[in-house]
Amino acid sequence: MPQPLANYHRLLEKVDQLCVGITRLLGDSLVCRPGCDSCCIAISVFPVEAAALLEAAGKLPQDRYQQLKQRLESAAAGEQCPLLFEGRCLLYHARPIICRTHGLPLLLIDDDGHRRMDVCPRNCKEIEQLPGEALIDLERLNALLVSVNVLYLREFGIKLPERIELCSLKEMLP
């Protein structure tokens, strides 16, 4: 029997390993911690990420599930992330990749094709130059995520929009 989210879960394991390594390397220069939610806004995710969130929602205890449902029903695009409740993510263990890497140093390619680094302004203030192993290559990571999403959609013959707003998960809840 096929496991619809197996490739995605393997990717999450690799991303989590990468993030743990970077967190260890940078130590106290990372000040983002649980409860640091000012950057958490209502985003859109790939269908494979939405499926993982829905799967996790279906496994929540009833009280947490109801909190999630209420948050999603009152959410609007562009506002605070509807998965937050009292500053914490209700689906933290299933959070999308962008949330797992948020705040860590990212290597980006801008519109002009130049490489640049981006990091939460609260983090790495005292570090003049970050070591290469502390950077997440966002282009490469996004390419992997897109590939996993395409495989997921093809393997199961699913026709969904390219991106799904988190606030629209309310219509898909189990």
N, C-alpha and C. Protein backbone atom coordinates (compact mmCIF):
# COMPACT_ATOMS: atom_id res chain seq x y z
N MET A 1 0.84 -1.19 0.00
CA MET A 1 0.00 0.00 0.00
C MET A 1 0.89 1.25 0.00
N PRO A 2 0.68 2.17 -0.94
CA PRO A 2 1.50 3.38 -1.02
C PRO A 2 1.29 4.28 0.20
N GLN A 3 2.36 4.91 0.62
CA GLN A 3 2.32 5.88 1.71
C GLN A 3 2.35 7.27 1.08
N PRO A 4 1.22 7.94 1.04
CA PRO A 4 1.13 9.20 0.29
C PRO A 4 2.15 10.26 0.70
N LEU A 5 2.51 10.30 1.95
CA LEU A 5 3.39 11.37 2.42
C LEU A 5 4.79 10.89 2.76
N ALA A 6 5.16 9.69 2.35
CA ALA A 6 6.46 9.11 2.71
C ALA A 6 7.63 9.98 2.24
N ASN A 7 7.61 10.42 0.99
CA ASN A 7 8.70 11.27 0.46
C ASN A 7 8.78 12.59 1.24
N TYR A 8 7.63 13.16 1.53
CA TYR A 8 7.60 14.42 2.27
C TYR A 8 8.15 14.23 3.68
N HIS A 9 7.77 13.17 4.35
CA HIS A 9 8.27 12.92 5.70
C HIS A 9 9.78 12.68 5.70
N ARG A 10 10.30 12.03 4.67
CA ARG A 10 11.76 11.85 4.56
C ARG A 10 12.45 13.20 4.37
N LEU A 11 11.85 14.06 3.56
CA LEU A 11 12.41 15.39 3.37
C LEU A 11 12.40 16.17 4.69
N LEU A 12 11.30 16.07 5.44
CA LEU A 12 11.23 16.76 6.74
C LEU A 12 12.32 16.27 7.68
N GLU A 13 12.58 14.98 7.69
CA GLU A 13 13.64 14.43 8.54
C GLU A 13 14.99 15.06 8.19
N LYS A 14 15.26 15.17 6.90
CA LYS A 14 16.53 15.76 6.45
C LYS A 14 16.61 17.24 6.81
N VAL A 15 15.50 17.95 6.62
CA VAL A 15 15.47 19.38 6.95
C VAL A 15 15.66 19.56 8.46
N ASP A 16 15.00 18.73 9.25
CA ASP A 16 15.16 18.83 10.70
C ASP A 16 16.59 18.55 11.12
N GLN A 17 17.24 17.57 10.50
CA GLN A 17 18.65 17.28 10.80
C GLN A 17 19.53 18.49 10.46
N LEU A 18 19.27 19.08 9.31
CA LEU A 18 20.01 20.27 8.89
C LEU A 18 19.82 21.40 9.90
N CYS A 19 18.59 21.65 10.29
CA CYS A 19 18.28 22.73 11.22
C CYS A 19 18.90 22.49 12.60
N VAL A 20 18.88 21.26 13.07
CA VAL A 20 19.50 20.93 14.36
C VAL A 20 21.01 21.20 14.29
N GLY A 21 21.63 20.79 13.20
CA GLY A 21 23.07 21.03 13.03
C GLY A 21 23.41 22.51 13.04
N ILE A 22 22.62 23.30 12.32
CA ILE A 22 22.85 24.75 12.27
C ILE A 22 22.61 25.37 13.63
N THR A 23 21.58 24.93 14.31
CA THR A 23 21.26 25.45 15.64
C THR A 23 22.39 25.16 16.62
N ARG A 24 22.94 23.95 16.56
CA ARG A 24 24.09 23.62 17.42
C ARG A 24 25.30 24.49 17.07
N LEU A 25 25.55 24.64 15.79
CA LEU A 25 26.70 25.42 15.33
C LEU A 25 26.61 26.87 15.78
N LEU A 26 25.44 27.47 15.68
CA LEU A 26 25.28 28.89 15.99
C LEU A 26 24.96 29.16 17.45
N GLY A 27 24.50 28.14 18.16
CA GLY A 27 24.28 28.24 19.60
C GLY A 27 23.47 29.44 20.06
N ASP A 28 24.06 30.18 21.00
CA ASP A 28 23.35 31.30 21.63
C ASP A 28 23.13 32.50 20.71
N SER A 29 23.73 32.48 19.51
CA SER A 29 23.50 33.60 18.60
C SER A 29 22.12 33.51 17.95
N LEU A 30 21.43 32.37 18.15
CA LEU A 30 20.04 32.24 17.70
C LEU A 30 19.13 32.53 18.89
N VAL A 31 18.39 33.60 18.80
CA VAL A 31 17.53 33.98 19.91
C VAL A 31 16.06 33.61 19.67
N CYS A 32 15.73 33.22 18.46
CA CYS A 32 14.37 32.76 18.20
C CYS A 32 14.12 31.51 19.02
N ARG A 33 13.03 31.48 19.74
CA ARG A 33 12.70 30.36 20.62
C ARG A 33 11.19 30.10 20.54
N PRO A 34 10.74 28.99 21.11
CA PRO A 34 9.28 28.76 21.18
C PRO A 34 8.59 29.98 21.80
N GLY A 35 7.51 30.38 21.18
CA GLY A 35 6.79 31.56 21.63
C GLY A 35 7.18 32.81 20.85
N CYS A 36 8.27 32.75 20.10
CA CYS A 36 8.71 33.85 19.24
C CYS A 36 7.89 33.72 17.96
N ASP A 37 6.80 34.44 17.86
CA ASP A 37 5.86 34.23 16.76
C ASP A 37 5.58 35.47 15.92
N SER A 38 6.37 36.52 16.09
CA SER A 38 6.08 37.76 15.37
C SER A 38 6.19 37.61 13.85
N CYS A 39 6.94 36.62 13.39
CA CYS A 39 7.11 36.40 11.94
C CYS A 39 6.07 35.41 11.39
N CYS A 40 5.28 34.82 12.25
CA CYS A 40 4.34 33.78 11.83
C CYS A 40 3.07 34.41 11.26
N ILE A 41 2.98 34.41 9.93
CA ILE A 41 1.82 34.98 9.26
C ILE A 41 1.10 33.87 8.49
N ALA A 42 -0.10 34.18 8.06
CA ALA A 42 -0.88 33.23 7.26
C ALA A 42 -0.23 33.12 5.88
N ILE A 43 0.30 31.96 5.59
CA ILE A 43 1.02 31.73 4.33
C ILE A 43 0.26 30.73 3.47
N SER A 44 0.80 30.46 2.31
CA SER A 44 0.28 29.37 1.49
C SER A 44 1.33 28.28 1.46
N VAL A 45 0.88 27.06 1.26
CA VAL A 45 1.76 25.89 1.26
C VAL A 45 1.47 25.03 0.04
N PHE A 46 2.39 24.14 -0.26
CA PHE A 46 2.16 23.18 -1.34
C PHE A 46 1.13 22.15 -0.89
N PRO A 47 0.42 21.54 -1.83
CA PRO A 47 -0.58 20.53 -1.47
C PRO A 47 -0.03 19.41 -0.59
N VAL A 48 1.20 18.97 -0.82
CA VAL A 48 1.76 17.90 0.01
C VAL A 48 1.92 18.38 1.46
N GLU A 49 2.26 19.65 1.65
CA GLU A 49 2.38 20.20 3.00
C GLU A 49 1.00 20.32 3.64
N ALA A 50 0.02 20.75 2.85
CA ALA A 50 -1.36 20.84 3.37
C ALA A 50 -1.85 19.46 3.80
N ALA A 51 -1.55 18.44 3.00
CA ALA A 51 -1.97 17.08 3.33
C ALA A 51 -1.34 16.62 4.65
N ALA A 52 -0.07 16.95 4.86
CA ALA A 52 0.60 16.58 6.12
C ALA A 52 -0.02 17.32 7.30
N LEU A 53 -0.38 18.58 7.10
CA LEU A 53 -1.04 19.34 8.17
C LEU A 53 -2.41 18.75 8.49
N LEU A 54 -3.15 18.39 7.46
CA LEU A 54 -4.47 17.79 7.68
C LEU A 54 -4.35 16.43 8.37
N GLU A 55 -3.36 15.65 7.98
CA GLU A 55 -3.13 14.36 8.62
C GLU A 55 -2.85 14.57 10.12
N ALA A 56 -2.00 15.54 10.44
CA ALA A 56 -1.67 15.83 11.84
C ALA A 56 -2.87 16.36 12.60
N ALA A 57 -3.69 17.18 11.94
CA ALA A 57 -4.89 17.71 12.59
C ALA A 57 -5.83 16.59 13.00
N GLY A 58 -5.94 15.58 12.15
CA GLY A 58 -6.82 14.45 12.44
C GLY A 58 -6.37 13.61 13.62
N LYS A 59 -5.11 13.79 14.03
CA LYS A 59 -4.56 13.03 15.17
C LYS A 59 -4.54 13.83 16.47
N LEU A 60 -4.99 15.08 16.41
CA LEU A 60 -4.99 15.92 17.61
C LEU A 60 -6.03 15.44 18.62
N PRO A 61 -5.76 15.66 19.91
CA PRO A 61 -6.82 15.43 20.90
C PRO A 61 -8.00 16.36 20.59
N GLN A 62 -9.16 15.97 20.97
CA GLN A 62 -10.38 16.71 20.60
C GLN A 62 -10.33 18.18 20.98
N ASP A 63 -9.83 18.52 22.16
CA ASP A 63 -9.78 19.92 22.58
C ASP A 63 -8.84 20.74 21.69
N ARG A 64 -7.69 20.18 21.35
CA ARG A 64 -6.75 20.88 20.46
C ARG A 64 -7.31 20.99 19.05
N TYR A 65 -8.00 19.94 18.60
CA TYR A 65 -8.64 19.96 17.28
C TYR A 65 -9.66 21.09 17.22
N GLN A 66 -10.44 21.26 18.27
CA GLN A 66 -11.45 22.32 18.30
C GLN A 66 -10.79 23.71 18.30
N GLN A 67 -9.68 23.84 19.04
CA GLN A 67 -8.94 25.10 19.01
C GLN A 67 -8.47 25.41 17.59
N LEU A 68 -7.92 24.41 16.93
CA LEU A 68 -7.44 24.58 15.57
C LEU A 68 -8.60 24.98 14.65
N LYS A 69 -9.68 24.29 14.76
CA LYS A 69 -10.85 24.57 13.92
C LYS A 69 -11.34 26.00 14.12
N GLN A 70 -11.40 26.44 15.36
CA GLN A 70 -11.83 27.82 15.65
C GLN A 70 -10.85 28.84 15.07
N ARG A 71 -9.56 28.57 15.21
CA ARG A 71 -8.55 29.48 14.67
C ARG A 71 -8.68 29.58 13.14
N LEU A 72 -8.86 28.44 12.48
CA LEU A 72 -8.98 28.44 11.03
C LEU A 72 -10.24 29.15 10.57
N GLU A 73 -11.33 28.99 11.30
CA GLU A 73 -12.59 29.63 10.91
C GLU A 73 -12.54 31.14 11.05
N SER A 74 -11.71 31.65 11.96
CA SER A 74 -11.65 33.10 12.15
C SER A 74 -10.46 33.74 11.43
N ALA A 75 -9.70 32.94 10.69
CA ALA A 75 -8.49 33.43 10.04
C ALA A 75 -8.77 34.10 8.70
N ALA A 76 -7.87 34.98 8.35
CA ALA A 76 -7.91 35.63 7.03
C ALA A 76 -6.49 35.64 6.47
N ALA A 77 -6.37 35.55 5.17
CA ALA A 77 -5.06 35.54 4.51
C ALA A 77 -4.28 36.80 4.85
N GLY A 78 -2.98 36.66 5.04
CA GLY A 78 -2.12 37.80 5.31
C GLY A 78 -2.05 38.22 6.76
N GLU A 79 -2.88 37.62 7.62
CA GLU A 79 -2.85 37.96 9.03
C GLU A 79 -1.94 36.98 9.77
N GLN A 80 -2.04 36.99 11.09
CA GLN A 80 -1.26 36.06 11.89
C GLN A 80 -1.61 34.63 11.48
N CYS A 81 -0.64 33.75 11.57
CA CYS A 81 -0.85 32.35 11.17
C CYS A 81 -2.02 31.74 11.94
N PRO A 82 -2.94 31.13 11.23
CA PRO A 82 -4.11 30.54 11.91
C PRO A 82 -3.76 29.29 12.72
N LEU A 83 -2.54 28.79 12.58
CA LEU A 83 -2.16 27.62 13.35
C LEU A 83 -1.65 28.00 14.75
N LEU A 84 -1.50 29.31 15.00
CA LEU A 84 -1.02 29.77 16.30
C LEU A 84 -2.16 29.86 17.30
N PHE A 85 -1.88 29.41 18.51
CA PHE A 85 -2.81 29.55 19.62
C PHE A 85 -1.97 29.89 20.84
N GLU A 86 -2.20 31.09 21.39
CA GLU A 86 -1.44 31.57 22.53
C GLU A 86 0.08 31.52 22.26
N GLY A 87 0.46 31.94 21.05
CA GLY A 87 1.86 32.06 20.69
C GLY A 87 2.55 30.76 20.31
N ARG A 88 1.83 29.67 20.26
CA ARG A 88 2.40 28.36 19.93
C ARG A 88 1.65 27.74 18.75
N CYS A 89 2.37 27.00 17.93
CA CYS A 89 1.78 26.34 16.77
C CYS A 89 1.03 25.10 17.22
N LEU A 90 -0.24 25.02 16.84
CA LEU A 90 -1.06 23.86 17.18
C LEU A 90 -0.61 22.60 16.46
N LEU A 91 0.08 22.76 15.33
CA LEU A 91 0.56 21.61 14.55
C LEU A 91 2.08 21.67 14.40
N TYR A 92 2.75 22.05 15.47
CA TYR A 92 4.20 22.28 15.42
C TYR A 92 4.95 21.09 14.84
N HIS A 93 4.63 19.90 15.25
CA HIS A 93 5.35 18.71 14.78
C HIS A 93 5.14 18.46 13.28
N ALA A 94 4.11 19.08 12.69
CA ALA A 94 3.82 18.90 11.26
C ALA A 94 3.99 20.21 10.48
N ARG A 95 4.59 21.20 11.09
CA ARG A 95 4.70 22.52 10.46
C ARG A 95 5.42 22.42 9.12
N PRO A 96 5.07 23.33 8.20
CA PRO A 96 5.70 23.33 6.86
C PRO A 96 7.20 23.62 6.93
N ILE A 97 7.88 23.36 5.86
CA ILE A 97 9.33 23.54 5.80
C ILE A 97 9.72 25.00 6.03
N ILE A 98 8.97 25.93 5.49
CA ILE A 98 9.32 27.34 5.68
C ILE A 98 9.33 27.69 7.16
N CYS A 99 8.44 27.09 7.93
CA CYS A 99 8.38 27.35 9.36
C CYS A 99 9.55 26.69 10.09
N ARG A 100 9.98 25.55 9.61
CA ARG A 100 11.12 24.84 10.23
C ARG A 100 12.42 25.61 10.04
N THR A 101 12.56 26.30 8.94
CA THR A 101 13.81 27.01 8.64
C THR A 101 13.75 28.48 9.00
N HIS A 102 12.60 28.97 9.40
CA HIS A 102 12.44 30.40 9.66
C HIS A 102 13.39 30.87 10.76
N GLY A 103 14.04 31.98 10.52
CA GLY A 103 14.96 32.57 11.49
C GLY A 103 16.39 32.14 11.28
N LEU A 104 16.60 30.98 10.64
CA LEU A 104 17.95 30.49 10.38
C LEU A 104 18.53 31.21 9.16
N PRO A 105 19.85 31.24 9.04
CA PRO A 105 20.48 31.90 7.88
C PRO A 105 20.14 31.17 6.58
N LEU A 106 19.62 31.91 5.63
CA LEU A 106 19.24 31.37 4.33
C LEU A 106 20.10 31.98 3.24
N LEU A 107 20.53 31.15 2.32
CA LEU A 107 21.23 31.62 1.13
C LEU A 107 20.18 31.77 0.04
N LEU A 108 20.02 32.99 -0.46
CA LEU A 108 18.99 33.30 -1.45
C LEU A 108 19.63 33.78 -2.74
N ILE A 109 18.86 33.69 -3.80
CA ILE A 109 19.26 34.30 -5.07
C ILE A 109 18.22 35.38 -5.35
N ASP A 110 18.68 36.62 -5.45
CA ASP A 110 17.74 37.72 -5.66
C ASP A 110 17.33 37.81 -7.13
N ASP A 111 16.48 38.76 -7.44
CA ASP A 111 15.95 38.92 -8.80
C ASP A 111 17.05 39.17 -9.85
N ASP A 112 18.17 39.72 -9.42
CA ASP A 112 19.28 39.99 -10.34
C ASP A 112 20.22 38.80 -10.48
N GLY A 113 19.90 37.68 -9.81
CA GLY A 113 20.74 36.50 -9.89
C GLY A 113 21.91 36.50 -8.92
N HIS A 114 21.96 37.48 -8.04
CA HIS A 114 23.04 37.56 -7.05
C HIS A 114 22.67 36.75 -5.81
N ARG A 115 23.67 36.10 -5.24
CA ARG A 115 23.46 35.34 -4.02
C ARG A 115 23.58 36.29 -2.83
N ARG A 116 22.70 36.12 -1.88
CA ARG A 116 22.77 36.91 -0.66
C ARG A 116 22.26 36.08 0.51
N MET A 117 22.58 36.53 1.70
CA MET A 117 22.15 35.83 2.89
C MET A 117 21.03 36.61 3.56
N ASP A 118 20.09 35.87 4.13
CA ASP A 118 19.01 36.48 4.89
C ASP A 118 18.90 35.72 6.20
N VAL A 119 18.73 36.44 7.28
CA VAL A 119 18.56 35.83 8.60
C VAL A 119 17.68 36.76 9.43
N CYS A 120 16.93 36.20 10.36
CA CYS A 120 16.11 37.01 11.25
C CYS A 120 17.00 38.08 11.88
N PRO A 121 16.56 39.33 11.89
CA PRO A 121 17.41 40.40 12.44
C PRO A 121 17.71 40.23 13.93
N ARG A 122 16.97 39.37 14.61
CA ARG A 122 17.24 39.10 16.03
C ARG A 122 18.38 38.10 16.21
N ASN A 123 18.68 37.36 15.17
CA ASN A 123 19.67 36.29 15.25
C ASN A 123 21.02 36.72 14.69
N CYS A 124 22.06 36.07 15.17
CA CYS A 124 23.43 36.20 14.64
C CYS A 124 23.98 37.62 14.65
N LYS A 125 23.54 38.43 15.58
CA LYS A 125 23.97 39.83 15.60
C LYS A 125 25.47 39.99 15.81
N GLU A 126 26.05 39.13 16.64
CA GLU A 126 27.46 39.29 16.97
C GLU A 126 28.39 38.54 16.02
N ILE A 127 27.84 37.82 15.05
CA ILE A 127 28.67 37.06 14.12
C ILE A 127 28.94 37.91 12.88
N GLU A 128 30.22 38.16 12.61
CA GLU A 128 30.58 38.99 11.45
C GLU A 128 30.46 38.22 10.15
N GLN A 129 30.90 36.97 10.15
CA GLN A 129 30.81 36.15 8.94
C GLN A 129 30.38 34.74 9.34
N LEU A 130 29.28 34.30 8.74
CA LEU A 130 28.76 32.97 9.04
C LEU A 130 29.51 31.91 8.25
N PRO A 131 29.78 30.77 8.87
CA PRO A 131 30.39 29.67 8.11
C PRO A 131 29.39 29.12 7.10
N GLY A 132 29.90 28.63 5.98
CA GLY A 132 29.04 28.10 4.92
C GLY A 132 28.09 27.02 5.39
N GLU A 133 28.53 26.18 6.34
CA GLU A 133 27.67 25.09 6.81
C GLU A 133 26.52 25.59 7.70
N ALA A 134 26.50 26.90 7.98
CA ALA A 134 25.41 27.48 8.76
C ALA A 134 24.30 28.03 7.87
N LEU A 135 24.48 27.94 6.55
CA LEU A 135 23.50 28.50 5.62
C LEU A 135 22.64 27.39 5.01
N ILE A 136 21.37 27.69 4.86
CA ILE A 136 20.45 26.80 4.16
C ILE A 136 20.29 27.34 2.75
N ASP A 137 20.62 26.53 1.76
CA ASP A 137 20.49 26.93 0.36
C ASP A 137 19.00 26.83 0.01
N LEU A 138 18.33 27.97 0.05
CA LEU A 138 16.88 27.99 -0.13
C LEU A 138 16.45 27.53 -1.52
N GLU A 139 17.21 27.88 -2.55
CA GLU A 139 16.86 27.45 -3.91
C GLU A 139 16.86 25.93 -4.00
N ARG A 140 17.88 25.32 -3.45
CA ARG A 140 18.00 23.86 -3.48
C ARG A 140 16.89 23.20 -2.67
N LEU A 141 16.64 23.74 -1.49
CA LEU A 141 15.58 23.19 -0.64
C LEU A 141 14.22 23.31 -1.31
N ASN A 142 13.95 24.46 -1.90
CA ASN A 142 12.68 24.65 -2.60
C ASN A 142 12.53 23.71 -3.80
N ALA A 143 13.64 23.45 -4.49
CA ALA A 143 13.60 22.52 -5.62
C ALA A 143 13.24 21.11 -5.14
N LEU A 144 13.79 20.71 -4.02
CA LEU A 144 13.46 19.40 -3.44
C LEU A 144 11.98 19.35 -3.04
N LEU A 145 11.51 20.40 -2.41
CA LEU A 145 10.11 20.44 -1.99
C LEU A 145 9.17 20.41 -3.19
N VAL A 146 9.48 21.15 -4.23
CA VAL A 146 8.66 21.14 -5.45
C VAL A 146 8.64 19.72 -6.04
N SER A 147 9.78 19.06 -6.08
CA SER A 147 9.85 17.70 -6.62
C SER A 147 8.99 16.74 -5.81
N VAL A 148 9.09 16.82 -4.50
CA VAL A 148 8.28 15.95 -3.63
C VAL A 148 6.80 16.24 -3.84
N ASN A 149 6.45 17.50 -3.99
CA ASN A 149 5.04 17.87 -4.22
C ASN A 149 4.54 17.31 -5.55
N VAL A 150 5.34 17.44 -6.61
CA VAL A 150 4.95 16.93 -7.94
C VAL A 150 4.76 15.41 -7.88
N LEU A 151 5.68 14.72 -7.23
CA LEU A 151 5.55 13.26 -7.09
C LEU A 151 4.28 12.89 -6.34
N TYR A 152 4.00 13.61 -5.29
CA TYR A 152 2.79 13.38 -4.49
C TYR A 152 1.53 13.54 -5.36
N LEU A 153 1.46 14.63 -6.10
CA LEU A 153 0.28 14.90 -6.93
C LEU A 153 0.15 13.87 -8.05
N ARG A 154 1.26 13.52 -8.70
CA ARG A 154 1.21 12.54 -9.79
C ARG A 154 0.87 11.14 -9.30
N GLU A 155 1.53 10.72 -8.23
CA GLU A 155 1.34 9.36 -7.74
C GLU A 155 -0.11 9.09 -7.35
N PHE A 156 -0.77 10.10 -6.84
CA PHE A 156 -2.13 9.88 -6.37
C PHE A 156 -3.17 10.55 -7.26
N GLY A 157 -2.76 11.05 -8.41
CA GLY A 157 -3.70 11.63 -9.36
C GLY A 157 -4.52 12.77 -8.78
N ILE A 158 -3.89 13.54 -7.94
CA ILE A 158 -4.60 14.62 -7.24
C ILE A 158 -4.51 15.90 -8.06
N LYS A 159 -5.62 16.56 -8.22
CA LYS A 159 -5.68 17.84 -8.91
C LYS A 159 -6.02 18.91 -7.87
N LEU A 160 -5.01 19.67 -7.50
CA LEU A 160 -5.18 20.73 -6.52
C LEU A 160 -4.51 21.99 -7.03
N PRO A 161 -4.83 23.14 -6.45
CA PRO A 161 -4.11 24.36 -6.84
C PRO A 161 -2.64 24.22 -6.49
N GLU A 162 -1.82 25.04 -7.13
CA GLU A 162 -0.38 24.99 -6.90
C GLU A 162 -0.04 25.28 -5.44
N ARG A 163 -0.76 26.20 -4.83
CA ARG A 163 -0.55 26.57 -3.43
C ARG A 163 -1.90 26.60 -2.73
N ILE A 164 -1.87 26.34 -1.43
CA ILE A 164 -3.09 26.33 -0.62
C ILE A 164 -2.89 27.27 0.56
N GLU A 165 -3.78 28.23 0.72
CA GLU A 165 -3.71 29.15 1.87
C GLU A 165 -4.00 28.37 3.15
N LEU A 166 -3.22 28.63 4.19
CA LEU A 166 -3.45 27.93 5.45
C LEU A 166 -4.87 28.15 5.97
N CYS A 167 -5.38 29.35 5.79
CA CYS A 167 -6.73 29.63 6.31
C CYS A 167 -7.79 28.82 5.57
N SER A 168 -7.49 28.31 4.36
CA SER A 168 -8.49 27.52 3.63
C SER A 168 -8.47 26.05 4.06
N LEU A 169 -7.58 25.67 4.97
CA LEU A 169 -7.58 24.29 5.46
C LEU A 169 -8.88 23.94 6.18
N LYS A 170 -9.59 24.97 6.65
CA LYS A 170 -10.85 24.70 7.36
C LYS A 170 -11.83 23.92 6.50
N GLU A 171 -11.80 24.13 5.18
CA GLU A 171 -12.71 23.42 4.29
C GLU A 171 -12.28 21.98 4.05
N MET A 172 -11.05 21.64 4.43
CA MET A 172 -10.51 20.30 4.16
C MET A 172 -10.33 19.45 5.41
N LEU A 173 -10.62 20.02 6.56
CA LEU A 173 -10.40 19.29 7.81
C LEU A 173 -11.17 17.97 7.83
N PRO A 174 -10.53 16.95 8.45
CA PRO A 174 -11.24 15.65 8.55
C PRO A 174 -12.45 15.75 9.47
